[in-house]
C-alpha atoms as a PDB file:
ATOM      1  CA  UNK A   1      64.223 -63.412  81.216  1.00  0.00           C
ATOM      2  CA  UNK A   2      67.029 -65.603  82.827  1.00  0.00           C
ATOM      3  CA  UNK A   3      66.816 -67.194  86.213  1.00  0.00           C
ATOM      4  CA  UNK A   4      69.389 -66.000  88.764  1.00  0.00           C
ATOM      5  CA  UNK A   5      70.385 -67.167  92.074  1.00  0.00           C
ATOM      6  CA  UNK A   6      69.429 -64.476  94.180  1.00  0.00           C
ATOM      7  CA  UNK A   7      72.422 -64.768  96.705  1.00  0.00           C
ATOM      8  CA  UNK A   8      74.815 -64.920  93.763  1.00  0.00           C
ATOM      9  CA  UNK A   9      73.497 -61.321  92.626  1.00  0.00           C
ATOM     10  CA  UNK A  10      72.989 -59.935  96.061  1.00  0.00           C
ATOM     11  CA  UNK A  11      76.301 -57.706  95.997  1.00  0.00           C
ATOM     12  CA  UNK A  12      75.480 -56.459  92.404  1.00  0.00           C
ATOM     13  CA  UNK A  13      71.972 -55.687  93.312  1.00  0.00           C
ATOM     14  CA  UNK A  14      72.963 -53.782  96.417  1.00  0.00           C
ATOM     15  CA  UNK A  15      75.456 -51.751  94.491  1.00  0.00           C
ATOM     16  CA  UNK A  16      72.568 -50.523  92.234  1.00  0.00           C
ATOM     17  CA  UNK A  17      69.885 -50.175  95.285  1.00  0.00           C
ATOM     18  CA  UNK A  18      72.235 -47.691  96.700  1.00  0.00           C
ATOM     19  CA  UNK A  19      71.410 -45.624  93.630  1.00  0.00           C
ATOM     20  CA  UNK A  20      67.717 -46.701  93.906  1.00  0.00           C
ATOM     21  CA  UNK A  21      65.401 -49.385  93.062  1.00  0.00           C
ATOM     22  CA  UNK A  22      61.654 -49.497  92.643  1.00  0.00           C
ATOM     23  CA  UNK A  23      59.491 -51.543  95.044  1.00  0.00           C
ATOM     24  CA  UNK A  24      56.188 -52.464  93.855  1.00  0.00           C
ATOM     25  CA  UNK A  25      52.790 -53.462  95.342  1.00  0.00           C
ATOM     26  CA  UNK A  26      49.516 -53.872  94.292  1.00  0.00           C
ATOM     27  CA  UNK A  27      46.082 -54.465  96.012  1.00  0.00           C
ATOM     28  CA  UNK A  28      42.937 -55.011  93.921  1.00  0.00           C
ATOM     29  CA  UNK A  29      43.177 -52.522  91.177  1.00  0.00           C
ATOM     30  CA  UNK A  30      45.625 -50.426  92.730  1.00  0.00           C
ATOM     31  CA  UNK A  31      49.512 -50.547  91.791  1.00  0.00           C
ATOM     32  CA  UNK A  32      51.964 -48.402  93.680  1.00  0.00           C
ATOM     33  CA  UNK A  33      55.746 -47.981  93.302  1.00  0.00           C
ATOM     34  CA  UNK A  34      58.223 -46.276  95.590  1.00  0.00           C
ATOM     35  CA  UNK A  35      62.048 -45.762  95.541  1.00  0.00           C
ATOM     36  CA  UNK A  36      64.081 -47.655  97.916  1.00  0.00           C
ATOM     37  CA  UNK A  37      67.723 -46.815  98.500  1.00  0.00           C
ATOM     38  CA  UNK A  38      68.588 -49.484 101.060  1.00  0.00           C
ATOM     39  CA  UNK A  39      67.783 -52.945 101.685  1.00  0.00           C
ATOM     40  CA  UNK A  40      68.937 -56.032 103.327  1.00  0.00           C
ATOM     41  CA  UNK A  41      69.743 -59.506 101.753  1.00  0.00           C
ATOM     42  CA  UNK A  42      70.594 -62.633 103.721  1.00  0.00           C
ATOM     43  CA  UNK A  43      69.650 -66.220 104.769  1.00  0.00           C
ATOM     44  CA  UNK A  44      66.991 -66.349 107.641  1.00  0.00           C
ATOM     45  CA  UNK A  45      65.203 -69.572 108.216  1.00  0.00           C
ATOM     46  CA  UNK A  46      67.188 -71.198 105.676  1.00  0.00           C
ATOM     47  CA  UNK A  47      65.671 -69.126 102.989  1.00  0.00           C
ATOM     48  CA  UNK A  48      66.907 -66.470 100.848  1.00  0.00           C
ATOM     49  CA  UNK A  49      65.459 -63.035 102.500  1.00  0.00           C
ATOM     50  CA  UNK A  50      65.172 -59.343 101.092  1.00  0.00           C
ATOM     51  CA  UNK A  51      64.403 -56.952 103.885  1.00  0.00           C
ATOM     52  CA  UNK A  52      62.755 -53.636 102.848  1.00  0.00           C
ATOM     53  CA  UNK A  53      61.728 -50.619 105.109  1.00  0.00           C
ATOM     54  CA  UNK A  54      58.630 -48.531 104.741  1.00  0.00           C
ATOM     55  CA  UNK A  55      57.568 -45.813 106.649  1.00  0.00           C
ATOM     56  CA  UNK A  56      54.055 -45.878 108.182  1.00  0.00           C
ATOM     57  CA  UNK A  57      53.287 -42.524 106.613  1.00  0.00           C
ATOM     58  CA  UNK A  58      53.731 -43.783 102.960  1.00  0.00           C
ATOM     59  CA  UNK A  59      51.190 -44.577 100.509  1.00  0.00           C
ATOM     60  CA  UNK A  60      52.933 -47.799  99.854  1.00  0.00           C
ATOM     61  CA  UNK A  61      52.663 -48.783 103.648  1.00  0.00           C
ATOM     62  CA  UNK A  62      48.808 -48.563 103.355  1.00  0.00           C
ATOM     63  CA  UNK A  63      48.972 -51.058 100.371  1.00  0.00           C
ATOM     64  CA  UNK A  64      51.322 -53.608 101.811  1.00  0.00           C
ATOM     65  CA  UNK A  65      49.750 -53.954 104.950  1.00  0.00           C
ATOM     66  CA  UNK A  66      46.970 -55.285 102.881  1.00  0.00           C
ATOM     67  CA  UNK A  67      48.840 -57.862 101.029  1.00  0.00           C
ATOM     68  CA  UNK A  68      51.591 -60.431 101.462  1.00  0.00           C
ATOM     69  CA  UNK A  69      54.020 -59.671  98.900  1.00  0.00           C
ATOM     70  CA  UNK A  70      55.935 -57.144  96.970  1.00  0.00           C
ATOM     71  CA  UNK A  71      58.595 -57.097  94.046  1.00  0.00           C
ATOM     72  CA  UNK A  72      61.827 -55.098  93.820  1.00  0.00           C
ATOM     73  CA  UNK A  73      63.023 -53.868  90.305  1.00  0.00           C
ATOM     74  CA  UNK A  74      66.688 -53.049  90.179  1.00  0.00           C
ATOM     75  CA  UNK A  75      67.188 -51.160  87.077  1.00  0.00           C
ATOM     76  CA  UNK A  76      70.530 -51.933  85.185  1.00  0.00           C
ATOM     77  CA  UNK A  77      71.041 -48.105  85.127  1.00  0.00           C
ATOM     78  CA  UNK A  78      70.140 -44.917  84.384  1.00  0.00           C
ATOM     79  CA  UNK A  79      66.420 -43.893  85.312  1.00  0.00           C
ATOM     80  CA  UNK A  80      67.669 -41.169  87.848  1.00  0.00           C
ATOM     81  CA  UNK A  81      64.724 -39.025  86.664  1.00  0.00           C
ATOM     82  CA  UNK A  82      62.152 -41.749  87.410  1.00  0.00           C
ATOM     83  CA  UNK A  83      63.589 -42.975  90.595  1.00  0.00           C
ATOM     84  CA  UNK A  84      63.627 -39.427  91.790  1.00  0.00           C
ATOM     85  CA  UNK A  85      60.014 -38.925  90.944  1.00  0.00           C
ATOM     86  CA  UNK A  86      58.730 -41.973  92.607  1.00  0.00           C
ATOM     87  CA  UNK A  87      60.841 -41.188  95.579  1.00  0.00           C
ATOM     88  CA  UNK A  88      59.666 -37.843  96.103  1.00  0.00           C
ATOM     89  CA  UNK A  89      55.619 -38.405  95.004  1.00  0.00           C
ATOM     90  CA  UNK A  90      53.085 -40.068  96.745  1.00  0.00           C
ATOM     91  CA  UNK A  91      51.005 -42.538  94.774  1.00  0.00           C
ATOM     92  CA  UNK A  92      48.063 -41.183  96.858  1.00  0.00           C
ATOM     93  CA  UNK A  93      47.909 -38.242  94.505  1.00  0.00           C
ATOM     94  CA  UNK A  94      49.303 -39.420  91.303  1.00  0.00           C
ATOM     95  CA  UNK A  95      49.637 -42.408  89.089  1.00  0.00           C
ATOM     96  CA  UNK A  96      53.568 -43.014  89.201  1.00  0.00           C
ATOM     97  CA  UNK A  97      53.420 -45.305  86.351  1.00  0.00           C
ATOM     98  CA  UNK A  98      51.730 -43.043  83.908  1.00  0.00           C
ATOM     99  CA  UNK A  99      54.006 -39.925  85.025  1.00  0.00           C
ATOM    100  CA  UNK A 100      57.091 -41.913  84.705  1.00  0.00           C
ATOM    101  CA  UNK A 101      55.927 -43.902  81.321  1.00  0.00           C
ATOM    102  CA  UNK A 102      56.604 -47.102  83.160  1.00  0.00           C
ATOM    103  CA  UNK A 103      54.888 -50.207  82.400  1.00  0.00           C
ATOM    104  CA  UNK A 104      53.872 -52.894  85.003  1.00  0.00           C
ATOM    105  CA  UNK A 105      53.789 -56.478  84.075  1.00  0.00           C
ATOM    106  CA  UNK A 106      52.684 -59.619  85.824  1.00  0.00           C
ATOM    107  CA  UNK A 107      55.216 -61.312  88.225  1.00  0.00           C
ATOM    108  CA  UNK A 108      55.686 -65.012  87.792  1.00  0.00           C
ATOM    109  CA  UNK A 109      55.012 -65.936  91.170  1.00  0.00           C
ATOM    110  CA  UNK A 110      53.538 -63.241  93.456  1.00  0.00           C
ATOM    111  CA  UNK A 111      50.455 -61.234  92.945  1.00  0.00           C
ATOM    112  CA  UNK A 112      52.462 -57.659  92.830  1.00  0.00           C
ATOM    113  CA  UNK A 113      53.792 -56.772  89.500  1.00  0.00           C
ATOM    114  CA  UNK A 114      57.415 -56.069  88.388  1.00  0.00           C
ATOM    115  CA  UNK A 115      58.130 -53.167  86.172  1.00  0.00           C
ATOM    116  CA  UNK A 116      59.180 -53.880  82.476  1.00  0.00           C
ATOM    117  CA  UNK A 117      62.967 -52.622  82.587  1.00  0.00           C
ATOM    118  CA  UNK A 118      66.227 -54.025  82.149  1.00  0.00           C
ATOM    119  CA  UNK A 119      67.545 -55.253  85.406  1.00  0.00           C
ATOM    120  CA  UNK A 120      67.208 -57.545  88.284  1.00  0.00           C
ATOM    121  CA  UNK A 121      63.868 -58.378  89.774  1.00  0.00           C
ATOM    122  CA  UNK A 122      62.883 -59.998  93.000  1.00  0.00           C
ATOM    123  CA  UNK A 123      59.606 -61.406  93.847  1.00  0.00           C
ATOM    124  CA  UNK A 124      59.002 -61.801  97.566  1.00  0.00           C
ATOM    125  CA  UNK A 125      56.504 -63.237  99.748  1.00  0.00           C
ATOM    126  CA  UNK A 126      56.309 -61.489 103.368  1.00  0.00           C
ATOM    127  CA  UNK A 127      57.055 -63.917 105.996  1.00  0.00           C
ATOM    128  CA  UNK A 128      57.649 -61.407 108.814  1.00  0.00           C
ATOM    129  CA  UNK A 129      57.357 -57.776 109.782  1.00  0.00           C
ATOM    130  CA  UNK A 130      58.107 -55.394 112.564  1.00  0.00           C
ATOM    131  CA  UNK A 131      57.637 -51.838 113.493  1.00  0.00           C
ATOM    132  CA  UNK A 132      60.696 -50.203 114.571  1.00  0.00           C
ATOM    133  CA  UNK A 133      60.581 -49.208 118.391  1.00  0.00           C
ATOM    134  CA  UNK A 134      62.197 -45.826 118.797  1.00  0.00           C
ATOM    135  CA  UNK A 135      63.396 -47.298 122.604  1.00  0.00           C
ATOM    136  CA  UNK A 136      65.628 -49.838 120.686  1.00  0.00           C
ATOM    137  CA  UNK A 137      67.185 -47.383 118.119  1.00  0.00           C
ATOM    138  CA  UNK A 138      70.771 -45.794 119.054  1.00  0.00           C
ATOM    139  CA  UNK A 139      70.051 -42.435 119.687  1.00  0.00           C
ATOM    140  CA  UNK A 140      72.677 -41.170 116.793  1.00  0.00           C
ATOM    141  CA  UNK A 141      70.085 -42.366 114.289  1.00  0.00           C
ATOM    142  CA  UNK A 142      67.425 -40.229 115.609  1.00  0.00           C
ATOM    143  CA  UNK A 143      68.084 -37.639 113.439  1.00  0.00           C
ATOM    144  CA  UNK A 144      66.781 -39.721 110.530  1.00  0.00           C
ATOM    145  CA  UNK A 145      63.418 -39.483 112.104  1.00  0.00           C
ATOM    146  CA  UNK A 146      62.653 -35.990 112.738  1.00  0.00           C
ATOM    147  CA  UNK A 147      58.805 -36.358 112.375  1.00  0.00           C
ATOM    148  CA  UNK A 148      58.955 -39.576 114.354  1.00  0.00           C
ATOM    149  CA  UNK A 149      57.678 -41.645 111.305  1.00  0.00           C
ATOM    150  CA  UNK A 150      59.585 -44.806 111.791  1.00  0.00           C
ATOM    151  CA  UNK A 151      59.845 -47.660 109.427  1.00  0.00           C
ATOM    152  CA  UNK A 152      58.221 -51.207 109.408  1.00  0.00           C
ATOM    153  CA  UNK A 153      60.638 -53.750 108.380  1.00  0.00           C
ATOM    154  CA  UNK A 154      59.325 -56.357 105.964  1.00  0.00           C
ATOM    155  CA  UNK A 155      61.166 -59.583 105.437  1.00  0.00           C
ATOM    156  CA  UNK A 156      60.346 -61.144 102.058  1.00  0.00           C
ATOM    157  CA  UNK A 157      61.259 -64.700 101.302  1.00  0.00           C
ATOM    158  CA  UNK A 158      62.533 -64.307  97.677  1.00  0.00           C
ATOM    159  CA  UNK A 159      60.615 -66.750  95.625  1.00  0.00           C
ATOM    160  CA  UNK A 160      61.670 -65.710  92.397  1.00  0.00           C
ATOM    161  CA  UNK A 161      64.873 -63.751  90.928  1.00  0.00           C
ATOM    162  CA  UNK A 162      65.480 -62.992  87.405  1.00  0.00           C
ATOM    163  CA  UNK A 163      67.004 -60.560  85.120  1.00  0.00           C
ATOM    164  CA  UNK A 164      65.154 -58.882  81.767  1.00  0.00           C
ATOM    165  CA  UNK A 165      67.735 -57.858  79.385  1.00  0.00           C
END
């Protein structure tokens, strides 16, 4: 594992996240992964932050609300099948790790594991969260919420960032 400056790999990570990345959370013995296709990086409170959005209807939401951390594993390439599976199935009904033949390994800093895969890994501690308020959403974006299942935005301070070749 090679230590990385999260802000120096931000653009590279975002290009890959557009194609999909894995967000992992764990609570007690439960581990769940979901696919994310968008996120935001930046400096907030003079700290490197990775913001992710999770709909309240997702199983991941149930787990992340019980903890204060998450990880994001951004694959170096490929993995389209696994990303599609993890983005279209619920962890309530299946073990995504087993179904996709993925391995979760301990993170270096936070309790949620990372996925053992080539790519960039971010370990984040949640420092702020806020539920989207529909009244504050520009109406042209309402089409993304036909079920009114708005996201909660989680701002994670990036505590560790590294790649795994």
